Amino acid sequence: MNEFLEKEERIVRMLRTCYDPEIPVNIYDLGLIYKIDPKEDGSVDIDMTLTAPNCPAVDFIVEDVEMKVGSIEGVTSVNVNIVFDPPWDQEMMSEEAKLELGFL
C-alpha cells in the first residue's frame, strides 16, 4: 500500500475514536466526515459536518479531531473545516452506526 493510503487509513482509524458526547457512535461512522485531504507537507485538511447546525459540542469535537489526528506520526497540522453542504442526514451513517442506534 502506498504511503498516502497508509496515512489516510491511520487518519480514519483515529477519527473512529472521536465521538459526539451525545451520540454513542464515532463521527466517522456517523457520516460526519466529508473529506480527508493529507498534504505532502504533513498537514491534513478535514471537511466535516455536524448532526445539527447548532450542535453544542462543536468545540469539543473539533478539538478532539485536531488533537487525535495531530498525534499521528507524520502529521504536522490539522485544519478542520465545518461545512453544512450537503446537509447531514441519517442515510450518511454506516450500517454499523445504524445498527448501534437501532435504525436497522
PDB file of N, CA and C in Angstrom:
ATOM      1  N   MET A   1       0.861  -1.178   0.000  1.00  0.00           N
ATOM      2  CA  MET A   1       0.000   0.000   0.000  1.00  0.00           C
ATOM      3  C   MET A   1       0.904   1.238   0.000  1.00  0.00           C
ATOM      4  N   ASN A   2       0.531   2.244  -0.784  1.00  0.00           N
ATOM      5  CA  ASN A   2       1.407   3.406  -0.828  1.00  0.00           C
ATOM      6  C   ASN A   2       1.267   4.264   0.428  1.00  0.00           C
ATOM      7  N   GLU A   3       2.230   5.128   0.616  1.00  0.00           N
ATOM      8  CA  GLU A   3       2.305   5.934   1.837  1.00  0.00           C
ATOM      9  C   GLU A   3       1.081   6.821   2.037  1.00  0.00           C
ATOM     10  N   PHE A   4       0.559   7.379   0.944  1.00  0.00           N
ATOM     11  CA  PHE A   4      -0.617   8.246   1.027  1.00  0.00           C
ATOM     12  C   PHE A   4      -1.816   7.482   1.581  1.00  0.00           C
ATOM     13  N   LEU A   5      -2.067   6.271   1.047  1.00  0.00           N
ATOM     14  CA  LEU A   5      -3.198   5.470   1.512  1.00  0.00           C
ATOM     15  C   LEU A   5      -3.004   5.010   2.949  1.00  0.00           C
ATOM     16  N   GLU A   6      -1.774   4.688   3.316  1.00  0.00           N
ATOM     17  CA  GLU A   6      -1.492   4.290   4.691  1.00  0.00           C
ATOM     18  C   GLU A   6      -1.802   5.432   5.655  1.00  0.00           C
ATOM     19  N   LYS A   7      -1.399   6.653   5.285  1.00  0.00           N
ATOM     20  CA  LYS A   7      -1.668   7.803   6.143  1.00  0.00           C
ATOM     21  C   LYS A   7      -3.169   8.043   6.265  1.00  0.00           C
ATOM     22  N   GLU A   8      -3.883   7.959   5.146  1.00  0.00           N
ATOM     23  CA  GLU A   8      -5.332   8.163   5.194  1.00  0.00           C
ATOM     24  C   GLU A   8      -6.004   7.084   6.047  1.00  0.00           C
ATOM     25  N   GLU A   9      -5.525   5.856   5.955  1.00  0.00           N
ATOM     26  CA  GLU A   9      -6.075   4.777   6.773  1.00  0.00           C
ATOM     27  C   GLU A   9      -5.831   5.033   8.259  1.00  0.00           C
ATOM     28  N   ARG A  10      -4.645   5.526   8.606  1.00  0.00           N
ATOM     29  CA  ARG A  10      -4.356   5.859  10.013  1.00  0.00           C
ATOM     30  C   ARG A  10      -5.261   6.999  10.489  1.00  0.00           C
ATOM     31  N   ILE A  11      -5.522   7.959   9.612  1.00  0.00           N
ATOM     32  CA  ILE A  11      -6.406   9.076   9.963  1.00  0.00           C
ATOM     33  C   ILE A  11      -7.821   8.557  10.217  1.00  0.00           C
ATOM     34  N   VAL A  12      -8.315   7.690   9.342  1.00  0.00           N
ATOM     35  CA  VAL A  12      -9.661   7.130   9.522  1.00  0.00           C
ATOM     36  C   VAL A  12      -9.739   6.345  10.831  1.00  0.00           C
ATOM     37  N   ARG A  13      -8.719   5.536  11.115  1.00  0.00           N
ATOM     38  CA  ARG A  13      -8.718   4.784  12.388  1.00  0.00           C
ATOM     39  C   ARG A  13      -8.793   5.734  13.570  1.00  0.00           C
ATOM     40  N   MET A  14      -8.069   6.850  13.493  1.00  0.00           N
ATOM     41  CA  MET A  14      -8.078   7.811  14.589  1.00  0.00           C
ATOM     42  C   MET A  14      -9.438   8.520  14.679  1.00  0.00           C
ATOM     43  N   LEU A  15     -10.028   8.853  13.536  1.00  0.00           N
ATOM     44  CA  LEU A  15     -11.348   9.504  13.545  1.00  0.00           C
ATOM     45  C   LEU A  15     -12.408   8.594  14.159  1.00  0.00           C
ATOM     46  N   ARG A  16     -12.209   7.311  14.065  1.00  0.00           N
ATOM     47  CA  ARG A  16     -13.159   6.368  14.663  1.00  0.00           C
ATOM     48  C   ARG A  16     -13.044   6.332  16.186  1.00  0.00           C
ATOM     49  N   THR A  17     -12.105   7.080  16.751  1.00  0.00           N
ATOM     50  CA  THR A  17     -12.012   7.196  18.217  1.00  0.00           C
ATOM     51  C   THR A  17     -12.612   8.521  18.700  1.00  0.00           C
ATOM     52  N   CYS A  18     -13.138   9.324  17.782  1.00  0.00           N
ATOM     53  CA  CYS A  18     -13.739  10.623  18.120  1.00  0.00           C
ATOM     54  C   CYS A  18     -15.263  10.487  18.143  1.00  0.00           C
ATOM     55  N   TYR A  19     -15.867  11.003  19.206  1.00  0.00           N
ATOM     56  CA  TYR A  19     -17.307  10.873  19.387  1.00  0.00           C
ATOM     57  C   TYR A  19     -17.956  12.211  19.682  1.00  0.00           C
ATOM     58  N   ASP A  20     -19.176  12.370  19.213  1.00  0.00           N
ATOM     59  CA  ASP A  20     -20.055  13.423  19.710  1.00  0.00           C
ATOM     60  C   ASP A  20     -20.468  12.931  21.090  1.00  0.00           C
ATOM     61  N   PRO A  21     -20.276  13.729  22.154  1.00  0.00           N
ATOM     62  CA  PRO A  21     -20.570  13.228  23.503  1.00  0.00           C
ATOM     63  C   PRO A  21     -22.033  12.839  23.718  1.00  0.00           C
ATOM     64  N   GLU A  22     -22.917  13.252  22.826  1.00  0.00           N
ATOM     65  CA  GLU A  22     -24.337  12.929  22.999  1.00  0.00           C
ATOM     66  C   GLU A  22     -24.766  11.702  22.199  1.00  0.00           C
ATOM     67  N   ILE A  23     -23.861  11.142  21.368  1.00  0.00           N
ATOM     68  CA  ILE A  23     -24.220  10.023  20.494  1.00  0.00           C
ATOM     69  C   ILE A  23     -23.168   8.921  20.661  1.00  0.00           C
ATOM     70  N   PRO A  24     -23.593   7.683  20.927  1.00  0.00           N
ATOM     71  CA  PRO A  24     -22.623   6.604  21.204  1.00  0.00           C
ATOM     72  C   PRO A  24     -22.024   5.958  19.948  1.00  0.00           C
ATOM     73  N   VAL A  25     -21.832   6.742  18.881  1.00  0.00           N
ATOM     74  CA  VAL A  25     -21.237   6.239  17.639  1.00  0.00           C
ATOM     75  C   VAL A  25     -20.165   7.242  17.213  1.00  0.00           C
ATOM     76  N   ASN A  26     -19.042   6.755  16.703  1.00  0.00           N
ATOM     77  CA  ASN A  26     -17.957   7.659  16.313  1.00  0.00           C
ATOM     78  C   ASN A  26     -18.368   8.533  15.119  1.00  0.00           C
ATOM     79  N   ILE A  27     -17.682   9.672  14.991  1.00  0.00           N
ATOM     80  CA  ILE A  27     -18.056  10.664  13.973  1.00  0.00           C
ATOM     81  C   ILE A  27     -17.840  10.160  12.550  1.00  0.00           C
ATOM     82  N   TYR A  28     -16.899   9.228  12.361  1.00  0.00           N
ATOM     83  CA  TYR A  28     -16.668   8.694  11.014  1.00  0.00           C
ATOM     84  C   TYR A  28     -17.848   7.830  10.581  1.00  0.00           C
ATOM     85  N   ASP A  29     -18.260   6.908  11.445  1.00  0.00           N
ATOM     86  CA  ASP A  29     -19.376   6.030  11.100  1.00  0.00           C
ATOM     87  C   ASP A  29     -20.712   6.773  11.090  1.00  0.00           C
ATOM     88  N   LEU A  30     -20.790   7.891  11.791  1.00  0.00           N
ATOM     89  CA  LEU A  30     -21.998   8.720  11.721  1.00  0.00           C
ATOM     90  C   LEU A  30     -22.136   9.397  10.361  1.00  0.00           C
ATOM     91  N   GLY A  31     -21.039   9.423   9.591  1.00  0.00           N
ATOM     92  CA  GLY A  31     -21.075  10.071   8.280  1.00  0.00           C
ATOM     93  C   GLY A  31     -20.795  11.562   8.356  1.00  0.00           C
ATOM     94  N   LEU A  32     -20.174  12.012   9.443  1.00  0.00           N
ATOM     95  CA  LEU A  32     -19.903  13.442   9.618  1.00  0.00           C
ATOM     96  C   LEU A  32     -18.641  13.895   8.886  1.00  0.00           C
ATOM     97  N   ILE A  33     -17.793  12.964   8.468  1.00  0.00           N
ATOM     98  CA  ILE A  33     -16.555  13.316   7.768  1.00  0.00           C
ATOM     99  C   ILE A  33     -16.821  13.315   6.270  1.00  0.00           C
ATOM    100  N   TYR A  34     -16.686  14.461   5.636  1.00  0.00           N
ATOM    101  CA  TYR A  34     -16.945  14.597   4.206  1.00  0.00           C
ATOM    102  C   TYR A  34     -15.671  14.486   3.374  1.00  0.00           C
ATOM    103  N   LYS A  35     -14.528  14.942   3.920  1.00  0.00           N
ATOM    104  CA  LYS A  35     -13.289  14.921   3.132  1.00  0.00           C
ATOM    105  C   LYS A  35     -12.096  14.819   4.059  1.00  0.00           C
ATOM    106  N   ILE A  36     -11.135  13.989   3.668  1.00  0.00           N
ATOM    107  CA  ILE A  36      -9.837  13.890   4.348  1.00  0.00           C
ATOM    108  C   ILE A  36      -8.796  14.152   3.274  1.00  0.00           C
ATOM    109  N   ASP A  37      -8.001  15.195   3.463  1.00  0.00           N
ATOM    110  CA  ASP A  37      -7.037  15.579   2.434  1.00  0.00           C
ATOM    111  C   ASP A  37      -5.649  15.756   3.041  1.00  0.00           C
ATOM    112  N   PRO A  38      -4.861  14.643   3.133  1.00  0.00           N
ATOM    113  CA  PRO A  38      -3.491  14.759   3.626  1.00  0.00           C
ATOM    114  C   PRO A  38      -2.602  15.397   2.555  1.00  0.00           C
ATOM    115  N   LYS A  39      -1.778  16.351   2.959  1.00  0.00           N
ATOM    116  CA  LYS A  39      -0.891  17.064   2.028  1.00  0.00           C
ATOM    117  C   LYS A  39       0.536  16.531   2.154  1.00  0.00           C
ATOM    118  N   GLU A  40       1.334  16.832   1.141  1.00  0.00           N
ATOM    119  CA  GLU A  40       2.743  16.415   1.123  1.00  0.00           C
ATOM    120  C   GLU A  40       3.529  16.966   2.320  1.00  0.00           C
ATOM    121  N   ASP A  41       3.166  18.184   2.774  1.00  0.00           N
ATOM    122  CA  ASP A  41       3.913  18.820   3.872  1.00  0.00           C
ATOM    123  C   ASP A  41       3.517  18.296   5.250  1.00  0.00           C
ATOM    124  N   GLY A  42       2.618  17.317   5.305  1.00  0.00           N
ATOM    125  CA  GLY A  42       2.208  16.739   6.587  1.00  0.00           C
ATOM    126  C   GLY A  42       0.936  17.339   7.149  1.00  0.00           C
ATOM    127  N   SER A  43       0.452  18.406   6.539  1.00  0.00           N
ATOM    128  CA  SER A  43      -0.802  18.982   7.024  1.00  0.00           C
ATOM    129  C   SER A  43      -1.975  18.136   6.515  1.00  0.00           C
ATOM    130  N   VAL A  44      -3.081  18.202   7.225  1.00  0.00           N
ATOM    131  CA  VAL A  44      -4.273  17.452   6.850  1.00  0.00           C
ATOM    132  C   VAL A  44      -5.468  18.394   6.924  1.00  0.00           C
ATOM    133  N   ASP A  45      -6.215  18.477   5.825  1.00  0.00           N
ATOM    134  CA  ASP A  45      -7.466  19.230   5.810  1.00  0.00           C
ATOM    135  C   ASP A  45      -8.615  18.239   5.933  1.00  0.00           C
ATOM    136  N   ILE A  46      -9.524  18.520   6.842  1.00  0.00           N
ATOM    137  CA  ILE A  46     -10.684  17.663   7.053  1.00  0.00           C
ATOM    138  C   ILE A  46     -11.932  18.520   6.951  1.00  0.00           C
ATOM    139  N   ASP A  47     -12.836  18.141   6.050  1.00  0.00           N
ATOM    140  CA  ASP A  47     -14.152  18.772   5.993  1.00  0.00           C
ATOM    141  C   ASP A  47     -15.106  17.857   6.730  1.00  0.00           C
ATOM    142  N   MET A  48     -15.817  18.416   7.675  1.00  0.00           N
ATOM    143  CA  MET A  48     -16.797  17.629   8.417  1.00  0.00           C
ATOM    144  C   MET A  48     -18.025  18.470   8.690  1.00  0.00           C
ATOM    145  N   THR A  49     -19.082  17.792   9.041  1.00  0.00           N
ATOM    146  CA  THR A  49     -20.320  18.470   9.377  1.00  0.00           C
ATOM    147  C   THR A  49     -20.746  18.048  10.773  1.00  0.00           C
ATOM    148  N   LEU A  50     -21.901  18.490  11.168  1.00  0.00           N
ATOM    149  CA  LEU A  50     -22.464  18.156  12.471  1.00  0.00           C
ATOM    150  C   LEU A  50     -23.863  17.607  12.249  1.00  0.00           C
ATOM    151  N   THR A  51     -24.379  16.897  13.230  1.00  0.00           N
ATOM    152  CA  THR A  51     -25.733  16.366  13.082  1.00  0.00           C
ATOM    153  C   THR A  51     -26.770  17.482  13.101  1.00  0.00           C
ATOM    154  N   ALA A  52     -26.404  18.620  13.688  1.00  0.00           N
ATOM    155  CA  ALA A  52     -27.289  19.791  13.710  1.00  0.00           C
ATOM    156  C   ALA A  52     -26.421  21.044  13.697  1.00  0.00           C
ATOM    157  N   PRO A  53     -26.824  22.084  12.957  1.00  0.00           N
ATOM    158  CA  PRO A  53     -26.009  23.297  12.869  1.00  0.00           C
ATOM    159  C   PRO A  53     -25.707  23.956  14.221  1.00  0.00           C
ATOM    160  N   ASN A  54     -26.585  23.791  15.180  1.00  0.00           N
ATOM    161  CA  ASN A  54     -26.379  24.422  16.488  1.00  0.00           C
ATOM    162  C   ASN A  54     -25.858  23.438  17.527  1.00  0.00           C
ATOM    163  N   CYS A  55     -25.117  22.435  17.081  1.00  0.00           N
ATOM    164  CA  CYS A  55     -24.580  21.401  17.976  1.00  0.00           C
ATOM    165  C   CYS A  55     -23.757  22.039  19.092  1.00  0.00           C
ATOM    166  N   PRO A  56     -24.142  21.814  20.349  1.00  0.00           N
ATOM    167  CA  PRO A  56     -23.414  22.426  21.460  1.00  0.00           C
ATOM    168  C   PRO A  56     -22.018  21.844  21.683  1.00  0.00           C
ATOM    169  N   ALA A  57     -21.738  20.691  21.084  1.00  0.00           N
ATOM    170  CA  ALA A  57     -20.449  20.027  21.301  1.00  0.00           C
ATOM    171  C   ALA A  57     -19.431  20.323  20.207  1.00  0.00           C
ATOM    172  N   VAL A  58     -19.709  21.282  19.331  1.00  0.00           N
ATOM    173  CA  VAL A  58     -18.831  21.529  18.185  1.00  0.00           C
ATOM    174  C   VAL A  58     -17.387  21.784  18.610  1.00  0.00           C
ATOM    175  N   ASP A  59     -17.165  22.618  19.598  1.00  0.00           N
ATOM    176  CA  ASP A  59     -15.792  22.922  20.023  1.00  0.00           C
ATOM    177  C   ASP A  59     -15.086  21.679  20.547  1.00  0.00           C
ATOM    178  N   PHE A  60     -15.793  20.880  21.333  1.00  0.00           N
ATOM    179  CA  PHE A  60     -15.225  19.646  21.873  1.00  0.00           C
ATOM    180  C   PHE A  60     -14.837  18.695  20.745  1.00  0.00           C
ATOM    181  N   ILE A  61     -15.736  18.509  19.773  1.00  0.00           N
ATOM    182  CA  ILE A  61     -15.490  17.575  18.683  1.00  0.00           C
ATOM    183  C   ILE A  61     -14.311  18.032  17.825  1.00  0.00           C
ATOM    184  N   VAL A  62     -14.279  19.311  17.451  1.00  0.00           N
ATOM    185  CA  VAL A  62     -13.186  19.836  16.624  1.00  0.00           C
ATOM    186  C   VAL A  62     -11.848  19.697  17.351  1.00  0.00           C
ATOM    187  N   GLU A  63     -11.823  20.032  18.632  1.00  0.00           N
ATOM    188  CA  GLU A  63     -10.583  19.920  19.404  1.00  0.00           C
ATOM    189  C   GLU A  63     -10.130  18.456  19.492  1.00  0.00           C
ATOM    190  N   ASP A  64     -11.075  17.545  19.669  1.00  0.00           N
ATOM    191  CA  ASP A  64     -10.752  16.120  19.739  1.00  0.00           C
ATOM    192  C   ASP A  64     -10.155  15.639  18.410  1.00  0.00           C
ATOM    193  N   VAL A  65     -10.771  16.031  17.289  1.00  0.00           N
ATOM    194  CA  VAL A  65     -10.265  15.650  15.963  1.00  0.00           C
ATOM    195  C   VAL A  65      -8.860  16.214  15.757  1.00  0.00           C
ATOM    196  N   GLU A  66      -8.675  17.498  16.052  1.00  0.00           N
ATOM    197  CA  GLU A  66      -7.360  18.125  15.856  1.00  0.00           C
ATOM    198  C   GLU A  66      -6.291  17.449  16.710  1.00  0.00           C
ATOM    199  N   MET A  67      -6.610  17.157  17.963  1.00  0.00           N
ATOM    200  CA  MET A  67      -5.638  16.557  18.871  1.00  0.00           C
ATOM    201  C   MET A  67      -5.292  15.124  18.431  1.00  0.00           C
ATOM    202  N   LYS A  68      -6.310  14.321  18.136  1.00  0.00           N
ATOM    203  CA  LYS A  68      -6.056  12.916  17.816  1.00  0.00           C
ATOM    204  C   LYS A  68      -5.405  12.742  16.443  1.00  0.00           C
ATOM    205  N   VAL A  69      -5.903  13.425  15.423  1.00  0.00           N
ATOM    206  CA  VAL A  69      -5.289  13.310  14.095  1.00  0.00           C
ATOM    207  C   VAL A  69      -3.894  13.928  14.123  1.00  0.00           C
ATOM    208  N   GLY A  70      -3.734  15.013  14.879  1.00  0.00           N
ATOM    209  CA  GLY A  70      -2.428  15.655  15.000  1.00  0.00           C
ATOM    210  C   GLY A  70      -1.391  14.795  15.693  1.00  0.00           C
ATOM    211  N   SER A  71      -1.830  13.766  16.416  1.00  0.00           N
ATOM    212  CA  SER A  71      -0.885  12.888  17.119  1.00  0.00           C
ATOM    213  C   SER A  71      -0.331  11.786  16.216  1.00  0.00           C
ATOM    214  N   ILE A  72      -0.852  11.675  14.998  1.00  0.00           N
ATOM    215  CA  ILE A  72      -0.384  10.639  14.069  1.00  0.00           C
ATOM    216  C   ILE A  72       1.004  11.013  13.549  1.00  0.00           C
ATOM    217  N   GLU A  73       1.891  10.025  13.530  1.00  0.00           N
ATOM    218  CA  GLU A  73       3.249  10.259  13.027  1.00  0.00           C
ATOM    219  C   GLU A  73       3.190  10.773  11.597  1.00  0.00           C
ATOM    220  N   GLY A  74       3.916  11.860  11.346  1.00  0.00           N
ATOM    221  CA  GLY A  74       3.964  12.452  10.014  1.00  0.00           C
ATOM    222  C   GLY A  74       2.963  13.568   9.784  1.00  0.00           C
ATOM    223  N   VAL A  75       2.000  13.729  10.707  1.00  0.00           N
ATOM    224  CA  VAL A  75       1.035  14.815  10.581  1.00  0.00           C
ATOM    225  C   VAL A  75       1.589  16.040  11.319  1.00  0.00           C
ATOM    226  N   THR A  76       1.711  17.137  10.586  1.00  0.00           N
ATOM    227  CA  THR A  76       2.286  18.354  11.165  1.00  0.00           C
ATOM    228  C   THR A  76       1.229  19.343  11.636  1.00  0.00           C
ATOM    229  N   SER A  77       0.058  19.346  10.999  1.00  0.00           N
ATOM    230  CA  SER A  77      -1.028  20.235  11.420  1.00  0.00           C
ATOM    231  C   SER A  77      -2.347  19.686  10.890  1.00  0.00           C
ATOM    232  N   VAL A  78      -3.436  20.085  11.560  1.00  0.00           N
ATOM    233  CA  VAL A  78      -4.771  19.630  11.176  1.00  0.00           C
ATOM    234  C   VAL A  78      -5.671  20.847  11.058  1.00  0.00           C
ATOM    235  N   ASN A  79      -6.341  20.966   9.925  1.00  0.00           N
ATOM    236  CA  ASN A  79      -7.278  22.065   9.697  1.00  0.00           C
ATOM    237  C   ASN A  79      -8.673  21.459   9.514  1.00  0.00           C
ATOM    238  N   VAL A  80      -9.551  21.677  10.504  1.00  0.00           N
ATOM    239  CA  VAL A  80     -10.907  21.152  10.443  1.00  0.00           C
ATOM    240  C   VAL A  80     -11.835  22.255   9.947  1.00  0.00           C
ATOM    241  N   ASN A  81     -12.502  21.982   8.834  1.00  0.00           N
ATOM    242  CA  ASN A  81     -13.485  22.919   8.274  1.00  0.00           C
ATOM    243  C   ASN A  81     -14.872  22.355   8.541  1.00  0.00           C
ATOM    244  N   ILE A  82     -15.702  23.122   9.250  1.00  0.00           N
ATOM    245  CA  ILE A  82     -17.088  22.717   9.481  1.00  0.00           C
ATOM    246  C   ILE A  82     -17.912  23.218   8.299  1.00  0.00           C
ATOM    247  N   VAL A  83     -18.598  22.285   7.636  1.00  0.00           N
ATOM    248  CA  VAL A  83     -19.409  22.612   6.468  1.00  0.00           C
ATOM    249  C   VAL A  83     -20.822  22.055   6.663  1.00  0.00           C
ATOM    250  N   PHE A  84     -21.772  22.648   5.979  1.00  0.00           N
ATOM    251  CA  PHE A  84     -23.154  22.179   6.083  1.00  0.00           C
ATOM    252  C   PHE A  84     -23.767  21.877   4.720  1.00  0.00           C
ATOM    253  N   ASP A  85     -22.898  21.693   3.711  1.00  0.00           N
ATOM    254  CA  ASP A  85     -23.368  21.370   2.384  1.00  0.00           C
ATOM    255  C   ASP A  85     -22.593  20.167   1.881  1.00  0.00           C
ATOM    256  N   PRO A  86     -23.187  19.032   1.686  1.00  0.00           N
ATOM    257  CA  PRO A  86     -24.624  18.788   1.798  1.00  0.00           C
ATOM    258  C   PRO A  86     -25.033  18.635   3.256  1.00  0.00           C
ATOM    259  N   PRO A  87     -26.283  18.934   3.557  1.00  0.00           N
ATOM    260  CA  PRO A  87     -26.755  18.761   4.930  1.00  0.00           C
ATOM    261  C   PRO A  87     -26.689  17.284   5.336  1.00  0.00           C
ATOM    262  N   TRP A  88     -26.302  17.038   6.571  1.00  0.00           N
ATOM    263  CA  TRP A  88     -26.210  15.667   7.075  1.00  0.00           C
ATOM    264  C   TRP A  88     -27.614  15.092   7.261  1.00  0.00           C
ATOM    265  N   ASP A  89     -27.753  13.802   6.958  1.00  0.00           N
ATOM    266  CA  ASP A  89     -28.971  13.091   7.339  1.00  0.00           C
ATOM    267  C   ASP A  89     -28.605  11.651   7.687  1.00  0.00           C
ATOM    268  N   GLN A  90     -29.543  10.919   8.230  1.00  0.00           N
ATOM    269  CA  GLN A  90     -29.275   9.580   8.753  1.00  0.00           C
ATOM    270  C   GLN A  90     -28.812   8.594   7.687  1.00  0.00           C
ATOM    271  N   GLU A  91     -29.081   8.860   6.426  1.00  0.00           N
ATOM    272  CA  GLU A  91     -28.648   7.969   5.356  1.00  0.00           C
ATOM    273  C   GLU A  91     -27.129   7.970   5.189  1.00  0.00           C
ATOM    274  N   MET A  92     -26.450   8.951   5.761  1.00  0.00           N
ATOM    275  CA  MET A  92     -24.993   9.047   5.647  1.00  0.00           C
ATOM    276  C   MET A  92     -24.271   8.136   6.646  1.00  0.00           C
ATOM    277  N   MET A  93     -25.013   7.560   7.577  1.00  0.00           N
ATOM    278  CA  MET A  93     -24.409   6.700   8.594  1.00  0.00           C
ATOM    279  C   MET A  93     -24.033   5.346   7.998  1.00  0.00           C
ATOM    280  N   SER A  94     -22.990   4.746   8.547  1.00  0.00           N
ATOM    281  CA  SER A  94     -22.609   3.389   8.147  1.00  0.00           C
ATOM    282  C   SER A  94     -23.662   2.412   8.667  1.00  0.00           C
ATOM    283  N   GLU A  95     -23.647   1.196   8.113  1.00  0.00           N
ATOM    284  CA  GLU A  95     -24.568   0.163   8.590  1.00  0.00           C
ATOM    285  C   GLU A  95     -24.355  -0.100  10.079  1.00  0.00           C
ATOM    286  N   GLU A  96     -23.079  -0.082  10.521  1.00  0.00           N
ATOM    287  CA  GLU A  96     -22.761  -0.323  11.929  1.00  0.00           C
ATOM    288  C   GLU A  96     -23.389   0.745  12.822  1.00  0.00           C
ATOM    289  N   ALA A  97     -23.318   2.010  12.378  1.00  0.00           N
ATOM    290  CA  ALA A  97     -23.890   3.103  13.157  1.00  0.00           C
ATOM    291  C   ALA A  97     -25.408   2.974  13.234  1.00  0.00           C
ATOM    292  N   LYS A  98     -26.033   2.650  12.103  1.00  0.00           N
ATOM    293  CA  LYS A  98     -27.489   2.477  12.103  1.00  0.00           C
ATOM    294  C   LYS A  98     -27.916   1.347  13.034  1.00  0.00           C
ATOM    295  N   LEU A  99     -27.155   0.260  13.016  1.00  0.00           N
ATOM    296  CA  LEU A  99     -27.451  -0.867  13.898  1.00  0.00           C
ATOM    297  C   LEU A  99     -27.300  -0.462  15.364  1.00  0.00           C
ATOM    298  N   GLU A 100     -26.182   0.214  15.677  1.00  0.00           N
ATOM    299  CA  GLU A 100     -25.910   0.652  17.055  1.00  0.00           C
ATOM    300  C   GLU A 100     -27.019   1.561  17.580  1.00  0.00           C
ATOM    301  N   LEU A 101     -27.539   2.422  16.709  1.00  0.00           N
ATOM    302  CA  LEU A 101     -28.552   3.396  17.133  1.00  0.00           C
ATOM    303  C   LEU A 101     -29.983   2.869  16.970  1.00  0.00           C
ATOM    304  N   GLY A 102     -30.112   1.613  16.525  1.00  0.00           N
ATOM    305  CA  GLY A 102     -31.429   0.999  16.409  1.00  0.00           C
ATOM    306  C   GLY A 102     -32.221   1.399  15.194  1.00  0.00           C
ATOM    307  N   PHE A 103     -31.551   1.856  14.121  1.00  0.00           N
ATOM    308  CA  PHE A 103     -32.258   2.232  12.909  1.00  0.00           C
ATOM    309  C   PHE A 103     -32.416   1.076  11.921  1.00  0.00           C
ATOM    310  N   LEU A 104     -31.833  -0.089  12.238  1.00  0.00           N
ATOM    311  CA  LEU A 104     -31.980  -1.271  11.367  1.00  0.00           C
ATOM    312  C   LEU A 104     -32.763  -2.342  12.091  1.00  0.00           C
TER     313      LEU A 104
END
